Amino acid sequence: MADRAPTPAELAIQQLKEALKDLVEVRRDFEDDLFLLRWLKARNMDVKKAEKMARGWHH
């Protein structure tokens, strides 16, 4: 059986996780997929907008 391709949500979570990796040392929540998915859903799955919002919330 072949591995399945990642869903668009999974890809967005991975991209957001990579974009926010510098914040993981400060707040471990940024490693959690469901935590990141909330930010993505709040910004209609737009990784750049979710990153901006998360960084603004963090500071």
C-alpha atoms as a PDB file:
ATOM      1  CA  MET A   1       0.000   0.000   0.000  1.00  0.00           C
ATOM      2  CA  ALA A   2       1.405   3.401  -0.996  1.00  0.00           C
ATOM      3  CA  ASP A   3       1.722   6.276   1.436  1.00  0.00           C
ATOM      4  CA  ARG A   4      -0.983   8.856   1.056  1.00  0.00           C
ATOM      5  CA  ALA A   5      -0.237  12.405   0.028  1.00  0.00           C
ATOM      6  CA  PRO A   6      -0.493  15.020   2.783  1.00  0.00           C
ATOM      7  CA  THR A   7      -3.727  16.990   2.902  1.00  0.00           C
ATOM      8  CA  PRO A   8      -3.718  20.750   2.264  1.00  0.00           C
ATOM      9  CA  ALA A   9      -4.248  21.289   6.009  1.00  0.00           C
ATOM     10  CA  GLU A  10      -1.281  19.068   6.871  1.00  0.00           C
ATOM     11  CA  LEU A  11       0.913  20.948   4.411  1.00  0.00           C
ATOM     12  CA  ALA A  12      -0.193  24.304   5.832  1.00  0.00           C
ATOM     13  CA  ILE A  13       0.510  23.124   9.394  1.00  0.00           C
ATOM     14  CA  GLN A  14       4.012  22.035   8.392  1.00  0.00           C
ATOM     15  CA  GLN A  15       4.665  25.362   6.661  1.00  0.00           C
ATOM     16  CA  LEU A  16       3.416  27.337   9.660  1.00  0.00           C
ATOM     17  CA  LYS A  17       5.423  25.174  12.046  1.00  0.00           C
ATOM     18  CA  GLU A  18       8.551  25.903  10.013  1.00  0.00           C
ATOM     19  CA  ALA A  19       7.788  29.630   9.906  1.00  0.00           C
ATOM     20  CA  LEU A  20       7.322  29.774  13.689  1.00  0.00           C
ATOM     21  CA  LYS A  21      10.158  27.461  14.718  1.00  0.00           C
ATOM     22  CA  ASP A  22      11.988  30.327  16.421  1.00  0.00           C
ATOM     23  CA  LEU A  23       9.057  30.736  18.829  1.00  0.00           C
ATOM     24  CA  VAL A  24       9.071  27.094  19.951  1.00  0.00           C
ATOM     25  CA  GLU A  25      11.856  27.787  22.439  1.00  0.00           C
ATOM     26  CA  VAL A  26       9.678  30.431  24.081  1.00  0.00           C
ATOM     27  CA  ARG A  27       6.324  28.674  23.853  1.00  0.00           C
ATOM     28  CA  ARG A  28       5.979  24.945  23.215  1.00  0.00           C
ATOM     29  CA  ASP A  29       2.385  25.351  21.979  1.00  0.00           C
ATOM     30  CA  PHE A  30       3.826  26.306  18.601  1.00  0.00           C
ATOM     31  CA  GLU A  31       4.898  22.658  18.130  1.00  0.00           C
ATOM     32  CA  ASP A  32       1.328  21.386  18.486  1.00  0.00           C
ATOM     33  CA  ASP A  33      -0.503  20.713  15.212  1.00  0.00           C
ATOM     34  CA  LEU A  34      -3.972  21.454  16.606  1.00  0.00           C
ATOM     35  CA  PHE A  35      -2.746  24.724  18.129  1.00  0.00           C
ATOM     36  CA  LEU A  36      -1.324  25.744  14.743  1.00  0.00           C
ATOM     37  CA  LEU A  37      -4.473  24.630  12.934  1.00  0.00           C
ATOM     38  CA  ARG A  38      -6.491  27.122  15.004  1.00  0.00           C
ATOM     39  CA  TRP A  39      -4.326  29.977  13.724  1.00  0.00           C
ATOM     40  CA  LEU A  40      -4.670  28.706  10.171  1.00  0.00           C
ATOM     41  CA  LYS A  41      -8.444  28.371  10.395  1.00  0.00           C
ATOM     42  CA  ALA A  42      -8.692  31.891  11.819  1.00  0.00           C
ATOM     43  CA  ARG A  43      -6.928  33.144   8.681  1.00  0.00           C
ATOM     44  CA  ASN A  44      -8.668  30.923   6.128  1.00  0.00           C
ATOM     45  CA  MET A  45      -5.678  28.557   5.899  1.00  0.00           C
ATOM     46  CA  ASP A  46      -3.366  31.375   4.732  1.00  0.00           C
ATOM     47  CA  VAL A  47       0.051  30.528   6.198  1.00  0.00           C
ATOM     48  CA  LYS A  48       1.505  34.046   5.932  1.00  0.00           C
ATOM     49  CA  LYS A  49      -1.525  35.646   7.602  1.00  0.00           C
ATOM     50  CA  ALA A  50      -1.602  32.976  10.312  1.00  0.00           C
ATOM     51  CA  GLU A  51       2.099  33.527  10.997  1.00  0.00           C
ATOM     52  CA  LYS A  52       1.604  37.286  11.292  1.00  0.00           C
ATOM     53  CA  MET A  53      -1.330  36.822  13.660  1.00  0.00           C
ATOM     54  CA  ALA A  54       0.515  34.270  15.811  1.00  0.00           C
ATOM     55  CA  ARG A  55       3.597  36.464  16.067  1.00  0.00           C
ATOM     56  CA  GLY A  56       1.440  39.445  17.052  1.00  0.00           C
ATOM     57  CA  TRP A  57      -0.313  37.376  19.704  1.00  0.00           C
ATOM     58  CA  HIS A  58       2.977  36.100  21.072  1.00  0.00           C
ATOM     59  CA  HIS A  59       4.484  39.565  21.590  1.00  0.00           C
END
